[in-house]
Amino acid sequence: MANTQTQIQSDVVIRPLVEKDLPAADQVMRVAFGTYVGIPEPSTFFGDSDYANTRWRAHPKDTFVAEANGEIVGSAFVTWWGSFALFGPLTIRPDYWDRGLGRRLMEPVVDLFEQRGVKLAGLFTFPDSAKHLGLYQKFGFHPMCLTAVMSKEIEPVKSSLEWTRFSQHSEAEQKQCLGECREATDSIYEGLDLTHEIQSIQHQGLGDTVLLWRNSKLVGFAACHSGPGTEARSGTCYVKFGACKTSDRASEDFQILLAACQEFAVSVGQPRLMAGVNTARREAYYQMQRSGFRTEFLGIAMHRPSEPGWSRPGDYVIDDWR
């Protein structure tokens, strides 16, 4: 068995993902997750949402594939948010499970972390899988608190909330908005920067970013995907990242940001809002529950190194790192 595994590993090439690999990488991702959770047709996992294409187009130089006999059998994606690196998904085709390919895909990813000197790297994985936890622990990731992926059905509402869309601003105004978003995230975690994420959503046409204002000052924002072909899906608006600037009014601002996201979802014809929150952000988690959000499923956040980042009481942040 050991010799067979060694032979299989030697026949597999780990290399950067290029555009022509995307259909195969997307299929492997769906089949891997679908097989793991046990749905009848694994290839239908994720429905009409899209992770492979959207993440590669955002960071085309920082995605890796495992290739065997000319076929894509695995992939790993990295997303950069300033001083933070978001890792995943990492997926392996089921007929190549338990052959050491996860470890081999992790190696260039961790090398990237070292080269860029990221302060914190994080991922989302199955909390009940010793295999997943064990693999990531070998590369310096530590299990932290549970993350709740939540959703709520919404109805049209009328209000006078002070929010705008990033896309409705002029180029000069967008530059200023991005600067204020950086100020907001830097107040939460030094160097955290969603500039590229916000711009990628706009350039790829994935949705828009909700900007929350008070007295003409930005106090919060939410980068949202909307509908099919994005990290949401049909009928859904997904908050990939949302945050309120640290202040004594952050709790109030967070409540208003949740309402603004619902208004945005209605405005783009999506009746369902999905958003994730790490349960270590206790106030934000309970506030979302009180606002009508219900947990769909749980994952566990793993951090490298073992520090809380912005998953602490008093941090009003929405993200789930899937």
Protein backbone atom coordinates (compact mmCIF):
# COMPACT_ATOMS: atom_id res chain seq x y z
CA MET A 1 0.00 0.00 0.00
CA ALA A 2 2.81 2.41 0.90
CA ASN A 3 4.54 1.81 -2.44
CA THR A 4 1.27 2.36 -4.31
CA GLN A 5 0.66 5.64 -2.49
CA THR A 6 4.22 6.80 -3.19
CA GLN A 7 3.76 5.99 -6.89
CA ILE A 8 0.46 7.90 -7.02
CA GLN A 9 1.99 10.92 -5.32
CA SER A 10 4.96 10.91 -7.71
CA ASP A 11 2.59 10.88 -10.69
CA VAL A 12 0.73 13.96 -9.45
CA VAL A 13 1.94 17.44 -10.37
CA ILE A 14 1.09 20.46 -8.22
CA ARG A 15 1.01 23.64 -10.29
CA PRO A 16 -0.78 26.99 -10.58
CA LEU A 17 -4.35 26.82 -11.90
CA VAL A 18 -4.82 28.35 -15.36
CA GLU A 19 -8.08 29.41 -16.95
CA LYS A 20 -8.59 26.25 -19.01
CA ASP A 21 -8.54 24.24 -15.74
CA LEU A 22 -11.60 26.01 -14.32
CA PRO A 23 -14.36 23.68 -15.58
CA ALA A 24 -12.56 20.62 -14.21
CA ALA A 25 -11.64 22.35 -10.93
CA ASP A 26 -15.25 23.43 -10.49
CA GLN A 27 -16.47 19.87 -11.09
CA VAL A 28 -13.95 18.38 -8.64
CA MET A 29 -15.01 20.88 -5.99
CA ARG A 30 -18.70 20.03 -6.37
CA VAL A 31 -18.18 16.26 -6.46
CA ALA A 32 -15.82 16.32 -3.47
CA PHE A 33 -18.20 18.25 -1.23
CA GLY A 34 -21.27 16.42 -2.52
CA THR A 35 -19.69 13.03 -1.90
CA TYR A 36 -18.51 14.00 1.58
CA VAL A 37 -21.94 15.18 2.74
CA GLY A 38 -23.63 12.25 1.00
CA ILE A 39 -26.09 13.79 -1.45
CA PRO A 40 -27.46 11.47 -4.19
CA GLU A 41 -25.99 13.50 -7.07
CA PRO A 42 -22.68 14.90 -5.78
CA SER A 43 -22.01 17.00 -8.88
CA THR A 44 -25.08 19.13 -8.08
CA PHE A 45 -23.59 20.41 -4.83
CA PHE A 46 -23.52 24.25 -4.69
CA GLY A 47 -26.41 24.38 -7.19
CA ASP A 48 -26.02 27.40 -9.47
CA SER A 49 -23.54 29.18 -7.21
CA ASP A 50 -19.91 29.48 -8.30
CA TYR A 51 -16.77 29.43 -6.19
CA ALA A 52 -14.03 28.26 -8.56
CA ASN A 53 -14.44 30.87 -11.29
CA THR A 54 -15.11 33.83 -9.00
CA ARG A 55 -12.18 33.14 -6.69
CA TRP A 56 -9.70 32.40 -9.45
CA ARG A 57 -10.63 35.58 -11.31
CA ALA A 58 -10.11 37.56 -8.12
CA HIS A 59 -6.68 36.02 -7.42
CA PRO A 60 -5.51 34.16 -10.56
CA LYS A 61 -1.89 33.78 -9.44
CA ASP A 62 -2.64 32.26 -6.06
CA THR A 63 -4.63 29.12 -6.86
CA PHE A 64 -3.16 25.64 -7.23
CA VAL A 65 -4.26 22.38 -8.80
CA ALA A 66 -3.20 18.76 -8.51
CA GLU A 67 -2.92 17.13 -11.95
CA ALA A 68 -2.67 13.38 -12.56
CA ASN A 69 -2.46 11.79 -16.01
CA GLY A 70 -3.60 15.03 -17.58
CA GLU A 71 -6.66 15.35 -15.34
CA ILE A 72 -7.37 17.85 -12.56
CA VAL A 73 -7.86 15.88 -9.34
CA GLY A 74 -7.66 18.64 -6.74
CA SER A 75 -7.40 22.37 -6.14
CA ALA A 76 -6.70 24.94 -3.43
CA PHE A 77 -7.66 28.62 -3.41
CA VAL A 78 -6.23 31.62 -1.54
CA THR A 79 -7.88 35.01 -1.05
CA TRP A 80 -6.02 38.05 0.28
CA TRP A 81 -7.65 40.63 2.54
CA GLY A 82 -4.66 42.84 3.29
CA SER A 83 -2.79 41.40 6.27
CA PHE A 84 -5.12 38.38 6.30
CA ALA A 85 -5.09 35.33 4.03
CA LEU A 86 -8.31 33.36 3.55
CA PHE A 87 -7.58 29.77 2.56
CA GLY A 88 -9.97 27.44 0.79
CA PRO A 89 -11.71 25.58 -0.46
CA LEU A 90 -9.22 22.73 -0.74
CA THR A 91 -10.83 19.79 -2.51
CA ILE A 92 -9.65 16.42 -3.83
CA ARG A 93 -11.50 14.17 -6.27
CA PRO A 94 -12.95 11.30 -4.21
CA ASP A 95 -11.01 8.56 -6.02
CA TYR A 96 -7.82 10.33 -4.87
CA TRP A 97 -8.79 10.70 -1.22
CA ASP A 98 -6.42 9.40 1.48
CA ARG A 99 -3.39 9.54 -0.81
CA GLY A 100 -1.58 12.54 0.63
CA LEU A 101 -2.70 15.08 -1.98
CA GLY A 102 -4.21 17.43 0.58
CA ARG A 103 -0.81 17.79 2.21
CA ARG A 104 0.86 18.39 -1.15
CA LEU A 105 -1.62 21.13 -2.05
CA MET A 106 -1.10 22.74 1.35
CA GLU A 107 2.65 23.08 0.86
CA PRO A 108 2.68 25.84 -1.82
CA VAL A 109 -0.13 27.63 0.01
CA VAL A 110 1.84 27.82 3.25
CA ASP A 111 4.89 28.92 1.25
CA LEU A 112 2.78 31.83 -0.05
CA PHE A 113 1.85 32.79 3.50
CA GLU A 114 5.52 32.86 4.46
CA GLN A 115 6.57 34.83 1.38
CA ARG A 116 3.93 37.49 1.92
CA GLY A 117 4.35 37.65 5.67
CA VAL A 118 0.63 37.57 6.44
CA LYS A 119 -0.28 38.34 10.03
CA LEU A 120 -3.13 35.85 10.13
CA ALA A 121 -4.46 33.08 7.90
CA GLY A 122 -7.82 31.43 8.38
CA LEU A 123 -10.10 28.74 7.01
CA PHE A 124 -13.53 27.16 7.53
CA THR A 125 -13.89 23.40 7.80
CA PHE A 126 -16.07 20.60 9.12
CA PRO A 127 -16.05 20.69 12.94
CA ASP A 128 -16.72 16.96 13.24
CA SER A 129 -13.96 15.74 10.91
CA ALA A 130 -10.79 14.64 12.68
CA LYS A 131 -9.19 14.14 9.26
CA HIS A 132 -9.71 17.75 8.19
CA LEU A 133 -8.69 19.19 11.55
CA GLY A 134 -5.60 16.97 11.65
CA LEU A 135 -4.42 17.97 8.18
CA TYR A 136 -4.66 21.68 8.86
CA GLN A 137 -3.11 21.39 12.32
CA LYS A 138 -0.02 19.88 10.68
CA PHE A 139 0.40 23.18 8.85
CA GLY A 140 0.04 25.41 11.88
CA PHE A 141 -3.71 26.04 11.92
CA HIS A 142 -5.52 25.88 15.25
CA PRO A 143 -9.23 25.14 15.80
CA MET A 144 -11.01 28.12 17.32
CA CYS A 145 -14.76 28.84 17.71
CA LEU A 146 -17.71 27.66 15.66
CA THR A 147 -18.95 29.77 12.76
CA ALA A 148 -22.68 29.90 12.09
CA VAL A 149 -23.81 30.27 8.48
CA MET A 150 -27.20 31.93 8.86
CA SER A 151 -30.05 33.09 6.67
CA LYS A 152 -33.45 34.73 6.77
CA GLU A 153 -36.35 35.23 4.42
CA ILE A 154 -37.02 38.91 3.84
CA GLU A 155 -39.90 41.02 2.67
CA PRO A 156 -39.94 44.47 1.05
CA VAL A 157 -39.70 47.25 3.60
CA LYS A 158 -39.68 51.03 3.41
CA SER A 159 -37.23 53.01 5.51
CA SER A 160 -35.02 56.05 5.54
CA LEU A 161 -31.72 54.27 6.17
CA GLU A 162 -28.67 56.22 5.06
CA TRP A 163 -26.86 53.79 2.76
CA THR A 164 -25.55 53.74 -0.78
CA ARG A 165 -24.16 51.23 -3.24
CA PHE A 166 -20.48 51.33 -4.11
CA SER A 167 -21.37 51.12 -7.81
CA GLN A 168 -23.46 54.31 -7.74
CA HIS A 169 -20.47 56.49 -6.83
CA SER A 170 -18.12 58.16 -9.29
CA GLU A 171 -14.59 56.86 -9.71
CA ALA A 172 -13.21 59.62 -7.47
CA GLU A 173 -15.88 58.94 -4.86
CA GLN A 174 -15.18 55.20 -4.99
CA LYS A 175 -11.54 55.86 -4.19
CA GLN A 176 -12.61 57.83 -1.13
CA CYS A 177 -15.11 55.11 -0.15
CA LEU A 178 -12.40 52.46 -0.31
CA GLY A 179 -10.22 54.57 1.96
CA GLU A 180 -13.02 54.83 4.50
CA CYS A 181 -13.65 51.08 4.28
CA ARG A 182 -9.96 50.50 5.05
CA GLU A 183 -10.24 52.80 8.06
CA ALA A 184 -13.20 50.76 9.28
CA THR A 185 -11.48 47.38 8.94
CA ASP A 186 -8.18 48.68 10.30
CA SER A 187 -10.02 49.79 13.44
CA ILE A 188 -11.03 46.14 13.90
CA TYR A 189 -7.79 44.39 12.90
CA GLU A 190 -4.58 46.08 11.82
CA GLY A 191 -4.01 45.75 8.09
CA LEU A 192 -7.34 44.07 7.30
CA ASP A 193 -8.27 45.45 3.89
CA LEU A 194 -11.25 44.48 1.69
CA THR A 195 -10.36 46.81 -1.19
CA HIS A 196 -9.64 44.02 -3.65
CA GLU A 197 -12.77 42.09 -2.63
CA ILE A 198 -14.99 45.13 -3.17
CA GLN A 199 -13.40 45.89 -6.54
CA SER A 200 -13.57 42.26 -7.66
CA ILE A 201 -17.30 42.09 -6.90
CA GLN A 202 -17.81 45.15 -9.07
CA HIS A 203 -15.51 44.10 -11.92
CA GLN A 204 -16.96 40.58 -12.11
CA GLY A 205 -20.55 41.77 -11.75
CA LEU A 206 -21.15 39.54 -8.73
CA GLY A 207 -23.22 41.99 -6.71
CA ASP A 208 -22.39 45.24 -4.94
CA THR A 209 -21.13 46.69 -1.68
CA VAL A 210 -23.53 48.34 0.75
CA LEU A 211 -22.04 51.48 2.31
CA LEU A 212 -23.56 52.68 5.59
CA TRP A 213 -23.24 56.37 6.48
CA ARG A 214 -23.87 58.58 9.49
CA ASN A 215 -23.44 62.33 9.12
CA SER A 216 -21.64 61.74 5.81
CA LYS A 217 -19.07 59.44 7.46
CA LEU A 218 -18.84 55.75 6.64
CA VAL A 219 -19.58 53.62 9.71
CA GLY A 220 -19.97 50.22 8.08
CA PHE A 221 -20.12 48.28 4.83
CA ALA A 222 -21.10 44.88 3.46
CA ALA A 223 -19.63 43.24 0.35
CA CYS A 224 -22.50 41.23 -1.15
CA HIS A 225 -22.90 38.57 -3.84
CA SER A 226 -26.30 38.26 -5.50
CA GLY A 227 -27.99 35.50 -7.45
CA PRO A 228 -26.67 32.64 -9.65
CA GLY A 229 -23.09 32.46 -10.88
CA THR A 230 -21.80 34.00 -7.65
CA GLU A 231 -21.05 32.69 -4.16
CA ALA A 232 -24.74 33.21 -3.47
CA ARG A 233 -27.26 31.35 -5.62
CA SER A 234 -30.67 31.89 -7.19
CA GLY A 235 -32.96 33.73 -4.81
CA THR A 236 -30.16 34.63 -2.41
CA CYS A 237 -28.06 37.64 -1.46
CA TYR A 238 -24.91 36.58 0.40
CA VAL A 239 -22.89 38.90 2.62
CA LYS A 240 -19.34 37.70 2.03
CA PHE A 241 -17.92 40.31 4.39
CA GLY A 242 -19.53 43.02 6.47
CA ALA A 243 -18.22 45.17 9.31
CA CYS A 244 -18.94 48.21 11.42
CA LYS A 245 -16.21 50.58 12.46
CA THR A 246 -15.15 50.20 16.08
CA SER A 247 -16.98 52.82 18.15
CA ASP A 248 -19.34 53.15 21.09
CA ARG A 249 -22.18 53.01 18.56
CA ALA A 250 -21.01 49.87 16.75
CA SER A 251 -23.89 47.76 18.04
CA GLU A 252 -26.45 50.28 16.80
CA ASP A 253 -24.63 50.60 13.48
CA PHE A 254 -24.56 46.82 13.09
CA GLN A 255 -28.32 46.60 13.47
CA ILE A 256 -28.75 49.27 10.80
CA LEU A 257 -26.24 47.50 8.52
CA LEU A 258 -28.26 44.28 8.76
CA ALA A 259 -31.37 46.24 7.77
CA ALA A 260 -29.53 47.93 4.89
CA CYS A 261 -28.39 44.52 3.58
CA GLN A 262 -32.00 43.38 3.60
CA GLU A 263 -33.03 46.48 1.66
CA PHE A 264 -30.26 45.82 -0.85
CA ALA A 265 -31.35 42.18 -1.26
CA VAL A 266 -34.92 43.27 -1.96
CA SER A 267 -33.70 45.90 -4.44
CA VAL A 268 -31.92 43.24 -6.52
CA GLY A 269 -34.83 40.82 -6.37
CA GLN A 270 -33.44 38.32 -3.87
CA PRO A 271 -35.90 37.16 -1.18
CA ARG A 272 -33.31 35.48 1.03
CA LEU A 273 -30.30 36.93 2.85
CA MET A 274 -27.39 34.70 3.89
CA ALA A 275 -24.58 35.77 6.22
CA GLY A 276 -22.10 34.03 8.49
CA VAL A 277 -20.68 35.03 11.85
CA ASN A 278 -18.14 33.48 14.16
CA THR A 279 -19.77 32.72 17.50
CA ALA A 280 -16.82 34.26 19.37
CA ARG A 281 -18.33 37.58 18.26
CA ARG A 282 -21.06 36.99 20.78
CA GLU A 283 -22.85 40.31 20.50
CA ALA A 284 -22.96 40.17 16.70
CA TYR A 285 -24.13 36.53 16.74
CA TYR A 286 -26.98 37.15 19.17
CA GLN A 287 -27.94 40.37 17.42
CA MET A 288 -28.32 38.47 14.16
CA GLN A 289 -30.50 35.90 15.91
CA ARG A 290 -32.71 38.65 17.31
CA SER A 291 -32.98 40.08 13.80
CA GLY A 292 -34.51 36.85 12.54
CA PHE A 293 -31.47 35.00 11.21
CA ARG A 294 -31.41 31.25 11.79
CA THR A 295 -28.41 28.94 11.55
CA GLU A 296 -28.36 26.70 8.47
CA PHE A 297 -25.13 24.88 9.30
CA LEU A 298 -22.00 25.19 11.41
CA GLY A 299 -18.30 25.09 10.61
CA ILE A 300 -15.21 25.69 12.65
CA ALA A 301 -12.74 28.51 12.08
CA MET A 302 -9.06 27.58 12.14
CA HIS A 303 -6.41 30.28 12.60
CA ARG A 304 -2.70 30.41 11.82
CA PRO A 305 -1.25 31.43 14.27
CA SER A 306 -3.46 30.78 17.29
CA GLU A 307 -4.75 34.30 17.88
CA PRO A 308 -8.33 35.58 17.83
CA GLY A 309 -7.99 38.05 14.98
CA TRP A 310 -11.38 39.78 14.78
CA SER A 311 -13.34 36.87 16.24
CA ARG A 312 -13.73 38.44 19.67
CA PRO A 313 -16.54 39.84 21.78
CA GLY A 314 -17.22 43.38 20.65
CA ASP A 315 -16.26 42.80 17.01
CA TYR A 316 -19.22 43.49 14.73
CA VAL A 317 -18.13 41.56 11.66
CA ILE A 318 -19.93 39.27 9.21
CA ASP A 319 -17.92 36.59 7.40
CA ASP A 320 -17.65 32.82 7.40
CA TRP A 321 -14.48 31.98 5.40
CA ARG A 322 -16.04 29.25 3.28
